[in-house]
Amino acid sequence: MTDAPSPERAAPERAARPVAEFDPADPGSFAFWTEERLRYADLDPLSHVNNNAIGEFLENGRVGLFRASGGDGGPEGSVWWVVRRLEIDFAREILFPGIVRTGTRVARLGTTSCTIRQGIFVDGECRVTSTTIGVCFDPVGRRAVAIPADIRALLASHQP
């Protein structure tokens, strides 16, 4: 069983409204950043940083953005985020050692969901881009809920 709300139980979604059009491969598109030091444990047998580690870099960026926007459980822990869809495009390999920077930004806001675009950069060059649809989720009711207005405003504010 998945934590994502089932389509029949999800709240009706209005068409998502674009917050901004931008190129996730351009580091100038982001104001919110997380940084990770690459570990030897992040490597696959070909000495590339593996897709699991890249997924962790993206997750840390999303969680960081949600926490900075007050949406990491809400004041009573009643609002959480679940991943509904995740697309990752691997543009270039990432090699050890080094540091990666992940830019994270909201591209669209719907009633219960948001589209997050991300880029992972090494020395200013984009290596990975990602698009995630996150759903605002009530863990007690096990259903999608409307994004609270204060969190919505903060999510939209993280722009360069």
C-alpha atoms as a PDB file:
ATOM      1  CA  MET A   1       0.000   0.000   0.000  1.00  0.00           C
ATOM      2  CA  THR A   2       1.261   3.477  -0.795  1.00  0.00           C
ATOM      3  CA  ASP A   3       1.041   6.619   1.315  1.00  0.00           C
ATOM      4  CA  ALA A   4      -0.198   8.599  -1.677  1.00  0.00           C
ATOM      5  CA  PRO A   5      -3.917   9.319  -1.687  1.00  0.00           C
ATOM      6  CA  SER A   6      -5.937   7.192  -4.046  1.00  0.00           C
ATOM      7  CA  PRO A   7      -7.563   9.095  -6.935  1.00  0.00           C
ATOM      8  CA  GLU A   8     -11.049   8.310  -5.682  1.00  0.00           C
ATOM      9  CA  ARG A   9     -10.247   9.652  -2.181  1.00  0.00           C
ATOM     10  CA  ALA A  10      -8.264  12.709  -3.224  1.00  0.00           C
ATOM     11  CA  ALA A  11      -9.909  16.090  -2.934  1.00  0.00           C
ATOM     12  CA  PRO A  12     -11.020  17.591  -6.266  1.00  0.00           C
ATOM     13  CA  GLU A  13      -8.115  19.486  -7.803  1.00  0.00           C
ATOM     14  CA  ARG A  14      -8.508  22.714  -9.706  1.00  0.00           C
ATOM     15  CA  ALA A  15      -6.148  23.283 -12.562  1.00  0.00           C
ATOM     16  CA  ALA A  16      -2.725  24.064 -11.115  1.00  0.00           C
ATOM     17  CA  ARG A  17      -1.741  27.687 -11.466  1.00  0.00           C
ATOM     18  CA  PRO A  18       1.783  28.419 -12.682  1.00  0.00           C
ATOM     19  CA  VAL A  19       3.879  30.240 -10.125  1.00  0.00           C
ATOM     20  CA  ALA A  20       6.731  30.799 -12.545  1.00  0.00           C
ATOM     21  CA  GLU A  21       8.139  29.457 -15.776  1.00  0.00           C
ATOM     22  CA  PHE A  22      11.854  28.778 -15.489  1.00  0.00           C
ATOM     23  CA  ASP A  23      14.656  26.511 -16.672  1.00  0.00           C
ATOM     24  CA  PRO A  24      15.682  24.052 -13.918  1.00  0.00           C
ATOM     25  CA  ALA A  25      19.069  23.566 -15.642  1.00  0.00           C
ATOM     26  CA  ASP A  26      19.890  27.253 -14.996  1.00  0.00           C
ATOM     27  CA  PRO A  27      21.276  27.878 -11.487  1.00  0.00           C
ATOM     28  CA  GLY A  28      19.923  31.449 -11.712  1.00  0.00           C
ATOM     29  CA  SER A  29      16.409  29.981 -11.525  1.00  0.00           C
ATOM     30  CA  PHE A  30      16.782  29.095  -7.847  1.00  0.00           C
ATOM     31  CA  ALA A  31      16.919  31.017  -4.584  1.00  0.00           C
ATOM     32  CA  PHE A  32      16.521  27.968  -2.308  1.00  0.00           C
ATOM     33  CA  TRP A  33      19.556  25.677  -2.122  1.00  0.00           C
ATOM     34  CA  THR A  34      20.770  22.646  -0.200  1.00  0.00           C
ATOM     35  CA  GLU A  35      24.307  21.302  -0.327  1.00  0.00           C
ATOM     36  CA  GLU A  36      25.650  17.762   0.114  1.00  0.00           C
ATOM     37  CA  ARG A  37      29.189  16.423   0.341  1.00  0.00           C
ATOM     38  CA  LEU A  38      29.534  13.320  -1.830  1.00  0.00           C
ATOM     39  CA  ARG A  39      30.431  10.119   0.022  1.00  0.00           C
ATOM     40  CA  TYR A  40      32.214   7.044  -1.230  1.00  0.00           C
ATOM     41  CA  ALA A  41      29.071   5.113  -0.203  1.00  0.00           C
ATOM     42  CA  ASP A  42      27.124   7.110  -2.850  1.00  0.00           C
ATOM     43  CA  LEU A  43      28.940   5.358  -5.720  1.00  0.00           C
ATOM     44  CA  ASP A  44      27.779   2.570  -8.023  1.00  0.00           C
ATOM     45  CA  PRO A  45      30.154  -0.076  -9.487  1.00  0.00           C
ATOM     46  CA  LEU A  46      31.106   2.339 -12.323  1.00  0.00           C
ATOM     47  CA  SER A  47      32.216   4.973  -9.751  1.00  0.00           C
ATOM     48  CA  HIS A  48      29.283   7.255 -10.620  1.00  0.00           C
ATOM     49  CA  VAL A  49      27.114   8.729  -7.893  1.00  0.00           C
ATOM     50  CA  ASN A  50      24.190   6.290  -7.934  1.00  0.00           C
ATOM     51  CA  ASN A  51      20.534   7.053  -8.545  1.00  0.00           C
ATOM     52  CA  ASN A  52      19.605   6.335  -4.911  1.00  0.00           C
ATOM     53  CA  ALA A  53      21.976   9.053  -3.660  1.00  0.00           C
ATOM     54  CA  ILE A  54      20.589  11.449  -6.258  1.00  0.00           C
ATOM     55  CA  GLY A  55      17.079  10.692  -5.009  1.00  0.00           C
ATOM     56  CA  GLU A  56      18.247  11.567  -1.493  1.00  0.00           C
ATOM     57  CA  PHE A  57      19.711  14.890  -2.670  1.00  0.00           C
ATOM     58  CA  LEU A  58      16.363  15.734  -4.307  1.00  0.00           C
ATOM     59  CA  GLU A  59      14.387  14.655  -1.244  1.00  0.00           C
ATOM     60  CA  ASN A  60      16.579  16.772   1.059  1.00  0.00           C
ATOM     61  CA  GLY A  61      15.938  19.781  -1.180  1.00  0.00           C
ATOM     62  CA  ARG A  62      12.158  19.253  -1.181  1.00  0.00           C
ATOM     63  CA  VAL A  63      11.996  18.659   2.565  1.00  0.00           C
ATOM     64  CA  GLY A  64      14.159  21.725   3.152  1.00  0.00           C
ATOM     65  CA  LEU A  65      11.828  23.876   1.045  1.00  0.00           C
ATOM     66  CA  PHE A  66       8.723  22.528   2.817  1.00  0.00           C
ATOM     67  CA  ARG A  67      10.321  23.102   6.242  1.00  0.00           C
ATOM     68  CA  ALA A  68      11.339  26.648   5.285  1.00  0.00           C
ATOM     69  CA  SER A  69       7.716  27.240   4.250  1.00  0.00           C
ATOM     70  CA  GLY A  70       6.166  25.928   7.464  1.00  0.00           C
ATOM     71  CA  GLY A  71       4.811  22.869   5.692  1.00  0.00           C
ATOM     72  CA  ASP A  72       6.691  20.076   7.411  1.00  0.00           C
ATOM     73  CA  GLY A  73       3.886  18.873   9.620  1.00  0.00           C
ATOM     74  CA  GLY A  74       2.189  22.139  10.497  1.00  0.00           C
ATOM     75  CA  PRO A  75       1.755  23.504  14.006  1.00  0.00           C
ATOM     76  CA  GLU A  76      -0.099  20.400  15.231  1.00  0.00           C
ATOM     77  CA  GLY A  77       1.525  17.988  12.824  1.00  0.00           C
ATOM     78  CA  SER A  78      -1.656  17.850  10.772  1.00  0.00           C
ATOM     79  CA  VAL A  79      -0.241  18.717   7.333  1.00  0.00           C
ATOM     80  CA  TRP A  80       2.323  16.559   5.572  1.00  0.00           C
ATOM     81  CA  TRP A  81       3.522  16.025   2.004  1.00  0.00           C
ATOM     82  CA  VAL A  82       3.563  12.826  -0.012  1.00  0.00           C
ATOM     83  CA  VAL A  83       5.135  12.318  -3.415  1.00  0.00           C
ATOM     84  CA  ARG A  84       2.519  11.585  -6.068  1.00  0.00           C
ATOM     85  CA  ARG A  85       4.890  11.607  -9.046  1.00  0.00           C
ATOM     86  CA  LEU A  86       8.656  11.850  -9.445  1.00  0.00           C
ATOM     87  CA  GLU A  87      10.555  12.300 -12.726  1.00  0.00           C
ATOM     88  CA  ILE A  88      14.338  12.439 -12.795  1.00  0.00           C
ATOM     89  CA  ASP A  89      16.420  13.295 -15.856  1.00  0.00           C
ATOM     90  CA  PHE A  90      20.098  12.384 -15.626  1.00  0.00           C
ATOM     91  CA  ALA A  91      21.925  14.802 -17.931  1.00  0.00           C
ATOM     92  CA  ARG A  92      25.536  14.083 -16.945  1.00  0.00           C
ATOM     93  CA  GLU A  93      27.324  11.795 -14.563  1.00  0.00           C
ATOM     94  CA  ILE A  94      28.360  12.930 -11.094  1.00  0.00           C
ATOM     95  CA  LEU A  95      31.730  11.689  -9.878  1.00  0.00           C
ATOM     96  CA  PHE A  96      33.311  11.398  -6.426  1.00  0.00           C
ATOM     97  CA  PRO A  97      34.702  13.384  -4.640  1.00  0.00           C
ATOM     98  CA  GLY A  98      32.892  16.680  -4.592  1.00  0.00           C
ATOM     99  CA  ILE A  99      29.941  18.716  -3.450  1.00  0.00           C
ATOM    100  CA  VAL A 100      26.538  18.917  -5.092  1.00  0.00           C
ATOM    101  CA  ARG A 101      24.122  21.818  -4.756  1.00  0.00           C
ATOM    102  CA  THR A 102      20.413  21.225  -5.269  1.00  0.00           C
ATOM    103  CA  GLY A 103      18.202  24.142  -6.290  1.00  0.00           C
ATOM    104  CA  THR A 104      14.509  23.686  -5.443  1.00  0.00           C
ATOM    105  CA  ARG A 105      11.539  25.796  -6.507  1.00  0.00           C
ATOM    106  CA  VAL A 106       7.760  25.617  -6.864  1.00  0.00           C
ATOM    107  CA  ALA A 107       6.621  25.723 -10.487  1.00  0.00           C
ATOM    108  CA  ARG A 108       2.847  25.317  -9.956  1.00  0.00           C
ATOM    109  CA  LEU A 109       0.400  25.411  -7.072  1.00  0.00           C
ATOM    110  CA  GLY A 110      -2.929  23.592  -7.162  1.00  0.00           C
ATOM    111  CA  THR A 111      -5.534  23.261  -4.451  1.00  0.00           C
ATOM    112  CA  THR A 112      -4.015  20.182  -2.806  1.00  0.00           C
ATOM    113  CA  SER A 113      -0.772  19.719  -4.717  1.00  0.00           C
ATOM    114  CA  CYS A 114       2.288  21.529  -5.976  1.00  0.00           C
ATOM    115  CA  THR A 115       4.814  20.866  -8.708  1.00  0.00           C
ATOM    116  CA  ILE A 116       8.416  21.186  -7.585  1.00  0.00           C
ATOM    117  CA  ARG A 117      11.257  21.605 -10.106  1.00  0.00           C
ATOM    118  CA  GLN A 118      14.833  20.928  -9.080  1.00  0.00           C
ATOM    119  CA  GLY A 119      18.327  20.962 -10.496  1.00  0.00           C
ATOM    120  CA  ILE A 120      21.436  19.295  -9.099  1.00  0.00           C
ATOM    121  CA  PHE A 121      24.650  21.160  -9.879  1.00  0.00           C
ATOM    122  CA  VAL A 122      28.366  20.387  -9.632  1.00  0.00           C
ATOM    123  CA  ASP A 123      30.669  23.390  -9.962  1.00  0.00           C
ATOM    124  CA  GLY A 124      27.768  25.422 -11.397  1.00  0.00           C
ATOM    125  CA  GLU A 125      26.954  22.848 -14.111  1.00  0.00           C
ATOM    126  CA  CYS A 126      23.586  21.075 -14.134  1.00  0.00           C
ATOM    127  CA  ARG A 127      23.869  17.294 -13.903  1.00  0.00           C
ATOM    128  CA  VAL A 128      20.279  16.297 -12.986  1.00  0.00           C
ATOM    129  CA  THR A 129      16.831  17.880 -13.257  1.00  0.00           C
ATOM    130  CA  SER A 130      13.682  16.685 -11.576  1.00  0.00           C
ATOM    131  CA  THR A 131       9.951  17.340 -11.449  1.00  0.00           C
ATOM    132  CA  THR A 132       7.934  16.193  -8.449  1.00  0.00           C
ATOM    133  CA  ILE A 133       4.238  16.475  -7.715  1.00  0.00           C
ATOM    134  CA  GLY A 134       3.741  16.703  -3.975  1.00  0.00           C
ATOM    135  CA  VAL A 135       0.317  16.330  -2.392  1.00  0.00           C
ATOM    136  CA  CYS A 136      -0.615  18.034   0.869  1.00  0.00           C
ATOM    137  CA  PHE A 137      -1.786  15.144   3.025  1.00  0.00           C
ATOM    138  CA  ASP A 138      -3.716  14.647   6.268  1.00  0.00           C
ATOM    139  CA  PRO A 139      -2.075  11.629   7.934  1.00  0.00           C
ATOM    140  CA  VAL A 140      -5.019  11.038  10.268  1.00  0.00           C
ATOM    141  CA  GLY A 141      -7.770  11.218   7.638  1.00  0.00           C
ATOM    142  CA  ARG A 142      -5.458   9.563   5.068  1.00  0.00           C
ATOM    143  CA  ARG A 143      -6.532  11.991   2.350  1.00  0.00           C
ATOM    144  CA  ALA A 144      -5.367  14.974   0.343  1.00  0.00           C
ATOM    145  CA  VAL A 145      -6.196  18.358   1.873  1.00  0.00           C
ATOM    146  CA  ALA A 146      -6.022  21.945   0.661  1.00  0.00           C
ATOM    147  CA  ILE A 147      -2.642  23.624   1.033  1.00  0.00           C
ATOM    148  CA  PRO A 148      -3.017  26.138   3.903  1.00  0.00           C
ATOM    149  CA  ALA A 149      -2.873  29.767   2.720  1.00  0.00           C
ATOM    150  CA  ASP A 150       0.181  30.674   4.819  1.00  0.00           C
ATOM    151  CA  ILE A 151       2.176  27.697   3.516  1.00  0.00           C
ATOM    152  CA  ARG A 152       1.001  28.416  -0.042  1.00  0.00           C
ATOM    153  CA  ALA A 153       2.301  32.003   0.185  1.00  0.00           C
ATOM    154  CA  LEU A 154       5.676  30.902   1.551  1.00  0.00           C
ATOM    155  CA  LEU A 155       6.078  28.169  -1.068  1.00  0.00           C
ATOM    156  CA  ALA A 156       5.472  30.712  -3.828  1.00  0.00           C
ATOM    157  CA  SER A 157       7.926  33.201  -2.287  1.00  0.00           C
ATOM    158  CA  HIS A 158      11.156  31.186  -2.794  1.00  0.00           C
ATOM    159  CA  GLN A 159      12.149  32.791  -6.091  1.00  0.00           C
ATOM    160  CA  PRO A 160      15.342  34.554  -7.112  1.00  0.00           C
END
